[in-house]
Amino acid sequence: MEADEDMKPIIIKENVSLEAYIKYSYEVALTSHGFVVGRIAHLTSNWNNQLRNVQEEDLIVGPNSYYTADLTIRPRGRPRPLPGQGSNSEGKPYPTLVVEVGNSESVPSLHDLST
């Protein structure tokens, strides 16, 4: 296949500071991160088929504020919360377990992310 000389690079954003790039690249999940999250979800589902796993779930954590959890786990059949008290716009109950996976983060950092 010959290179197309008219083809130009795709520029998503210009003049990005190093700090902004590091923050962005830090938040992009790596293959190893996704593998571990998927493996935990698989193991919990096999351990007990009454558990429901959701990856990358947005949870309401305050007024106009949400948090994206790596993995959330809830037992099946939990009652729906009162209107306006759900974990998300679907009105789902809050998970009973939130899992945060880190490749190079400290344990205190992971704990802060999951609480």
N, C-alpha and C. Protein backbone atom coordinates (compact mmCIF):
# COMPACT_ATOMS: atom_id res chain seq x y z
N MET A 1 0.85 -1.18 0.00
CA MET A 1 0.00 0.00 0.00
C MET A 1 0.90 1.24 0.00
N GLU A 2 0.67 2.15 -0.94
CA GLU A 2 1.45 3.38 -1.02
C GLU A 2 0.89 4.43 -0.08
N ALA A 3 1.80 5.22 0.47
CA ALA A 3 1.38 6.30 1.35
C ALA A 3 0.74 7.39 0.52
N ASP A 4 -0.36 7.90 0.97
CA ASP A 4 -1.07 8.98 0.29
C ASP A 4 -0.42 10.29 0.71
N GLU A 5 0.20 10.99 -0.25
CA GLU A 5 0.89 12.23 0.08
C GLU A 5 -0.08 13.33 0.48
N ASP A 6 -1.34 13.22 0.08
CA ASP A 6 -2.33 14.23 0.44
C ASP A 6 -2.89 14.00 1.84
N MET A 7 -2.62 12.85 2.40
CA MET A 7 -3.16 12.52 3.72
C MET A 7 -2.46 13.36 4.79
N LYS A 8 -3.24 14.02 5.59
CA LYS A 8 -2.69 14.87 6.64
C LYS A 8 -3.00 14.25 8.00
N PRO A 9 -2.18 14.57 9.00
CA PRO A 9 -2.44 14.02 10.33
C PRO A 9 -3.74 14.57 10.91
N ILE A 10 -4.33 13.79 11.75
CA ILE A 10 -5.54 14.23 12.45
C ILE A 10 -5.11 14.87 13.76
N ILE A 11 -5.44 16.13 13.94
CA ILE A 11 -5.07 16.86 15.15
C ILE A 11 -6.32 16.99 16.01
N ILE A 12 -6.27 16.40 17.17
CA ILE A 12 -7.41 16.45 18.08
C ILE A 12 -7.37 17.73 18.91
N LYS A 13 -6.19 18.07 19.40
CA LYS A 13 -6.05 19.28 20.20
C LYS A 13 -4.61 19.76 20.09
N GLU A 14 -4.43 21.07 20.06
CA GLU A 14 -3.10 21.66 19.98
C GLU A 14 -2.76 22.34 21.29
N ASN A 15 -1.46 22.55 21.49
CA ASN A 15 -0.94 23.28 22.65
C ASN A 15 -1.42 22.69 23.97
N VAL A 16 -1.34 21.39 24.10
CA VAL A 16 -1.73 20.71 25.34
C VAL A 16 -0.54 20.73 26.28
N SER A 17 -0.76 21.17 27.51
CA SER A 17 0.33 21.20 28.48
C SER A 17 0.69 19.78 28.89
N LEU A 18 1.92 19.62 29.34
CA LEU A 18 2.37 18.30 29.80
C LEU A 18 1.50 17.82 30.95
N GLU A 19 1.17 18.72 31.86
CA GLU A 19 0.32 18.36 33.01
C GLU A 19 -1.04 17.85 32.54
N ALA A 20 -1.65 18.53 31.58
CA ALA A 20 -2.96 18.09 31.06
C ALA A 20 -2.85 16.75 30.36
N TYR A 21 -1.76 16.54 29.61
CA TYR A 21 -1.56 15.26 28.92
C TYR A 21 -1.37 14.13 29.92
N ILE A 22 -0.56 14.35 30.94
CA ILE A 22 -0.33 13.30 31.94
C ILE A 22 -1.62 12.96 32.65
N LYS A 23 -2.44 13.97 32.98
CA LYS A 23 -3.72 13.70 33.63
C LYS A 23 -4.61 12.88 32.70
N TYR A 24 -4.63 13.22 31.42
CA TYR A 24 -5.44 12.48 30.45
C TYR A 24 -4.93 11.05 30.31
N SER A 25 -3.64 10.88 30.11
CA SER A 25 -3.11 9.54 29.89
C SER A 25 -3.23 8.69 31.14
N TYR A 26 -3.23 9.31 32.30
CA TYR A 26 -3.41 8.61 33.57
C TYR A 26 -4.82 8.02 33.64
N GLU A 27 -5.79 8.72 33.06
CA GLU A 27 -7.18 8.29 33.13
C GLU A 27 -7.56 7.30 32.04
N VAL A 28 -6.71 7.10 31.04
CA VAL A 28 -7.00 6.16 29.97
C VAL A 28 -6.64 4.76 30.47
N ALA A 29 -7.61 3.87 30.41
CA ALA A 29 -7.38 2.52 30.92
C ALA A 29 -6.44 1.74 30.00
N LEU A 30 -5.52 1.04 30.60
CA LEU A 30 -4.60 0.18 29.85
C LEU A 30 -5.19 -1.22 29.73
N THR A 31 -4.61 -2.02 28.86
CA THR A 31 -5.08 -3.39 28.67
C THR A 31 -5.05 -4.17 29.98
N SER A 32 -3.96 -4.03 30.73
CA SER A 32 -3.85 -4.76 31.99
C SER A 32 -4.94 -4.34 32.97
N HIS A 33 -5.28 -3.06 32.97
CA HIS A 33 -6.35 -2.56 33.84
C HIS A 33 -7.67 -3.20 33.46
N GLY A 34 -8.00 -3.18 32.19
CA GLY A 34 -9.25 -3.78 31.72
C GLY A 34 -9.30 -5.28 31.97
N PHE A 35 -8.15 -5.95 31.81
CA PHE A 35 -8.12 -7.39 32.05
C PHE A 35 -8.44 -7.70 33.51
N VAL A 36 -7.83 -6.97 34.44
CA VAL A 36 -8.06 -7.23 35.86
C VAL A 36 -9.51 -6.96 36.23
N VAL A 37 -10.08 -5.86 35.75
CA VAL A 37 -11.49 -5.56 36.03
C VAL A 37 -12.38 -6.68 35.48
N GLY A 38 -12.13 -7.08 34.25
CA GLY A 38 -12.92 -8.16 33.65
C GLY A 38 -12.77 -9.47 34.39
N ARG A 39 -11.56 -9.76 34.85
CA ARG A 39 -11.33 -11.00 35.58
C ARG A 39 -12.07 -11.00 36.91
N ILE A 40 -12.03 -9.89 37.64
CA ILE A 40 -12.76 -9.80 38.90
C ILE A 40 -14.25 -9.97 38.66
N ALA A 41 -14.77 -9.32 37.63
CA ALA A 41 -16.20 -9.46 37.30
C ALA A 41 -16.53 -10.91 36.98
N HIS A 42 -15.69 -11.57 36.20
CA HIS A 42 -15.91 -12.97 35.84
C HIS A 42 -15.89 -13.87 37.08
N LEU A 43 -14.90 -13.67 37.94
CA LEU A 43 -14.78 -14.50 39.15
C LEU A 43 -15.98 -14.32 40.08
N THR A 44 -16.43 -13.08 40.27
CA THR A 44 -17.57 -12.88 41.17
C THR A 44 -18.84 -13.45 40.58
N SER A 45 -19.01 -13.36 39.27
CA SER A 45 -20.20 -13.94 38.64
C SER A 45 -20.20 -15.46 38.74
N ASN A 46 -19.03 -16.07 38.58
CA ASN A 46 -18.94 -17.53 38.71
C ASN A 46 -19.11 -17.98 40.15
N TRP A 47 -18.64 -17.17 41.08
CA TRP A 47 -18.74 -17.51 42.50
C TRP A 47 -20.20 -17.50 42.96
N ASN A 48 -20.96 -16.50 42.47
CA ASN A 48 -22.36 -16.39 42.87
C ASN A 48 -23.13 -15.72 41.74
N ASN A 49 -24.02 -16.47 41.10
CA ASN A 49 -24.75 -15.91 39.95
C ASN A 49 -25.86 -14.95 40.36
N GLN A 50 -25.98 -14.67 41.64
CA GLN A 50 -26.95 -13.69 42.11
C GLN A 50 -26.34 -12.29 42.22
N LEU A 51 -25.08 -12.16 41.82
CA LEU A 51 -24.41 -10.86 41.84
C LEU A 51 -24.42 -10.27 40.44
N ARG A 52 -24.61 -8.97 40.36
CA ARG A 52 -24.61 -8.26 39.09
C ARG A 52 -23.43 -7.30 39.08
N ASN A 53 -22.61 -7.39 38.03
CA ASN A 53 -21.43 -6.55 37.87
C ASN A 53 -21.67 -5.52 36.78
N VAL A 54 -21.18 -4.32 37.01
CA VAL A 54 -21.23 -3.27 35.99
C VAL A 54 -19.84 -2.62 35.93
N GLN A 55 -19.26 -2.58 34.74
CA GLN A 55 -17.96 -1.94 34.56
C GLN A 55 -18.15 -0.50 34.11
N GLU A 56 -17.28 0.37 34.61
CA GLU A 56 -17.28 1.80 34.25
C GLU A 56 -18.64 2.44 34.49
N GLU A 57 -19.18 2.24 35.68
CA GLU A 57 -20.50 2.80 36.01
C GLU A 57 -20.35 4.18 36.63
N ASP A 58 -21.16 5.13 36.15
CA ASP A 58 -21.20 6.46 36.73
C ASP A 58 -22.14 6.44 37.93
N LEU A 59 -21.63 6.88 39.09
CA LEU A 59 -22.41 6.91 40.32
C LEU A 59 -22.55 8.35 40.79
N ILE A 60 -23.73 8.72 41.19
CA ILE A 60 -23.95 10.06 41.75
C ILE A 60 -23.34 10.08 43.15
N VAL A 61 -22.46 11.04 43.39
CA VAL A 61 -21.79 11.14 44.69
C VAL A 61 -22.09 12.46 45.40
N GLY A 62 -22.86 13.32 44.78
CA GLY A 62 -23.23 14.59 45.38
C GLY A 62 -23.98 15.42 44.38
N PRO A 63 -24.47 16.58 44.80
CA PRO A 63 -25.17 17.45 43.87
C PRO A 63 -24.25 17.82 42.70
N ASN A 64 -24.71 17.57 41.49
CA ASN A 64 -23.95 17.88 40.27
C ASN A 64 -22.57 17.23 40.25
N SER A 65 -22.44 16.06 40.84
CA SER A 65 -21.15 15.39 40.90
C SER A 65 -21.33 13.88 40.75
N TYR A 66 -20.47 13.28 39.95
CA TYR A 66 -20.53 11.83 39.79
C TYR A 66 -19.13 11.26 39.79
N TYR A 67 -19.04 9.96 39.96
CA TYR A 67 -17.78 9.25 39.99
C TYR A 67 -17.92 8.02 39.10
N THR A 68 -16.93 7.74 38.28
CA THR A 68 -16.95 6.55 37.44
C THR A 68 -16.14 5.45 38.12
N ALA A 69 -16.83 4.42 38.56
CA ALA A 69 -16.19 3.29 39.23
C ALA A 69 -15.67 2.29 38.19
N ASP A 70 -14.55 1.67 38.47
CA ASP A 70 -14.03 0.64 37.57
C ASP A 70 -15.00 -0.54 37.49
N LEU A 71 -15.53 -0.95 38.63
CA LEU A 71 -16.45 -2.08 38.69
C LEU A 71 -17.36 -1.90 39.89
N THR A 72 -18.65 -2.12 39.71
CA THR A 72 -19.58 -2.12 40.84
C THR A 72 -20.27 -3.48 40.89
N ILE A 73 -20.60 -3.89 42.11
CA ILE A 73 -21.24 -5.19 42.31
C ILE A 73 -22.45 -5.00 43.22
N ARG A 74 -23.58 -5.57 42.79
CA ARG A 74 -24.83 -5.52 43.56
C ARG A 74 -25.46 -6.91 43.57
N PRO A 75 -26.11 -7.29 44.66
CA PRO A 75 -26.90 -8.52 44.61
C PRO A 75 -28.15 -8.30 43.78
N ARG A 76 -28.61 -9.33 43.09
CA ARG A 76 -29.87 -9.24 42.35
C ARG A 76 -31.01 -9.02 43.33
N GLY A 77 -32.04 -8.33 42.86
CA GLY A 77 -33.26 -8.18 43.63
C GLY A 77 -33.25 -7.13 44.71
N ARG A 78 -32.24 -6.26 44.71
CA ARG A 78 -32.26 -5.18 45.71
C ARG A 78 -33.41 -4.25 45.40
N PRO A 79 -34.11 -3.77 46.42
CA PRO A 79 -35.23 -2.87 46.16
C PRO A 79 -34.75 -1.54 45.59
N ARG A 80 -35.59 -0.97 44.74
CA ARG A 80 -35.26 0.34 44.17
C ARG A 80 -35.37 1.39 45.28
N PRO A 81 -34.46 2.34 45.27
CA PRO A 81 -34.54 3.42 46.26
C PRO A 81 -35.69 4.37 45.94
N LEU A 82 -35.98 5.23 46.87
CA LEU A 82 -37.00 6.25 46.65
C LEU A 82 -36.59 7.14 45.48
N PRO A 83 -37.55 7.73 44.79
CA PRO A 83 -37.21 8.63 43.67
C PRO A 83 -36.21 9.70 44.11
N GLY A 84 -35.21 9.92 43.29
CA GLY A 84 -34.20 10.93 43.58
C GLY A 84 -33.07 10.44 44.47
N GLN A 85 -33.14 9.19 44.94
CA GLN A 85 -32.10 8.67 45.83
C GLN A 85 -31.30 7.53 45.19
N GLY A 86 -31.46 7.35 43.90
CA GLY A 86 -30.75 6.29 43.20
C GLY A 86 -29.30 6.65 42.94
N SER A 87 -28.54 5.65 42.53
CA SER A 87 -27.12 5.84 42.28
C SER A 87 -26.84 6.48 40.92
N ASN A 88 -27.87 6.50 40.07
CA ASN A 88 -27.69 7.06 38.73
C ASN A 88 -29.05 7.50 38.18
N SER A 89 -29.06 7.96 36.94
CA SER A 89 -30.30 8.47 36.36
C SER A 89 -31.33 7.37 36.14
N GLU A 90 -30.92 6.10 36.18
CA GLU A 90 -31.87 4.98 36.06
C GLU A 90 -32.54 4.67 37.39
N GLY A 91 -32.10 5.30 38.47
CA GLY A 91 -32.69 5.06 39.77
C GLY A 91 -32.28 3.74 40.41
N LYS A 92 -31.16 3.18 39.97
CA LYS A 92 -30.67 1.92 40.54
C LYS A 92 -30.18 2.13 41.97
N PRO A 93 -30.27 1.08 42.80
CA PRO A 93 -29.71 1.20 44.15
C PRO A 93 -28.18 1.32 44.09
N TYR A 94 -27.60 1.92 45.10
CA TYR A 94 -26.14 2.02 45.14
C TYR A 94 -25.55 0.62 45.26
N PRO A 95 -24.38 0.42 44.67
CA PRO A 95 -23.75 -0.90 44.75
C PRO A 95 -23.31 -1.21 46.18
N THR A 96 -23.21 -2.50 46.48
CA THR A 96 -22.72 -2.91 47.79
C THR A 96 -21.20 -3.03 47.80
N LEU A 97 -20.59 -3.05 46.61
CA LEU A 97 -19.13 -3.11 46.51
C LEU A 97 -18.69 -2.30 45.30
N VAL A 98 -17.69 -1.43 45.51
CA VAL A 98 -17.09 -0.66 44.43
C VAL A 98 -15.63 -1.10 44.34
N VAL A 99 -15.20 -1.50 43.14
CA VAL A 99 -13.83 -1.98 42.94
C VAL A 99 -13.06 -0.94 42.14
N GLU A 100 -11.88 -0.59 42.62
CA GLU A 100 -10.95 0.29 41.92
C GLU A 100 -9.69 -0.50 41.64
N VAL A 101 -9.24 -0.50 40.41
CA VAL A 101 -8.04 -1.23 40.02
C VAL A 101 -6.97 -0.22 39.63
N GLY A 102 -5.76 -0.43 40.10
CA GLY A 102 -4.67 0.47 39.77
C GLY A 102 -3.44 -0.28 39.34
N ASN A 103 -2.76 0.26 38.34
CA ASN A 103 -1.51 -0.35 37.86
C ASN A 103 -0.32 0.12 38.67
N SER A 104 -0.30 1.39 39.03
CA SER A 104 0.85 1.92 39.74
C SER A 104 0.44 2.89 40.84
N GLU A 105 -0.79 2.77 41.30
CA GLU A 105 -1.27 3.65 42.35
C GLU A 105 -1.02 3.04 43.72
N SER A 106 -0.90 3.89 44.71
CA SER A 106 -0.72 3.40 46.07
C SER A 106 -2.05 2.89 46.61
N VAL A 107 -1.98 2.05 47.63
CA VAL A 107 -3.20 1.54 48.25
C VAL A 107 -4.04 2.70 48.81
N PRO A 108 -3.45 3.69 49.51
CA PRO A 108 -4.28 4.81 49.99
C PRO A 108 -4.98 5.56 48.85
N SER A 109 -4.29 5.72 47.70
CA SER A 109 -4.92 6.39 46.56
C SER A 109 -6.11 5.59 46.05
N LEU A 110 -5.97 4.27 45.92
CA LEU A 110 -7.09 3.44 45.48
C LEU A 110 -8.23 3.49 46.49
N HIS A 111 -7.90 3.50 47.77
CA HIS A 111 -8.94 3.59 48.80
C HIS A 111 -9.69 4.90 48.68
N ASP A 112 -8.96 6.00 48.48
CA ASP A 112 -9.62 7.30 48.32
C ASP A 112 -10.54 7.31 47.11
N LEU A 113 -10.12 6.67 46.02
CA LEU A 113 -10.95 6.62 44.81
C LEU A 113 -12.23 5.83 45.03
N SER A 114 -12.17 4.81 45.87
CA SER A 114 -13.34 3.93 46.03
C SER A 114 -14.28 4.39 47.13
N THR A 115 -13.94 5.43 47.87
CA THR A 115 -14.83 5.89 48.95
C THR A 115 -15.45 7.22 48.60
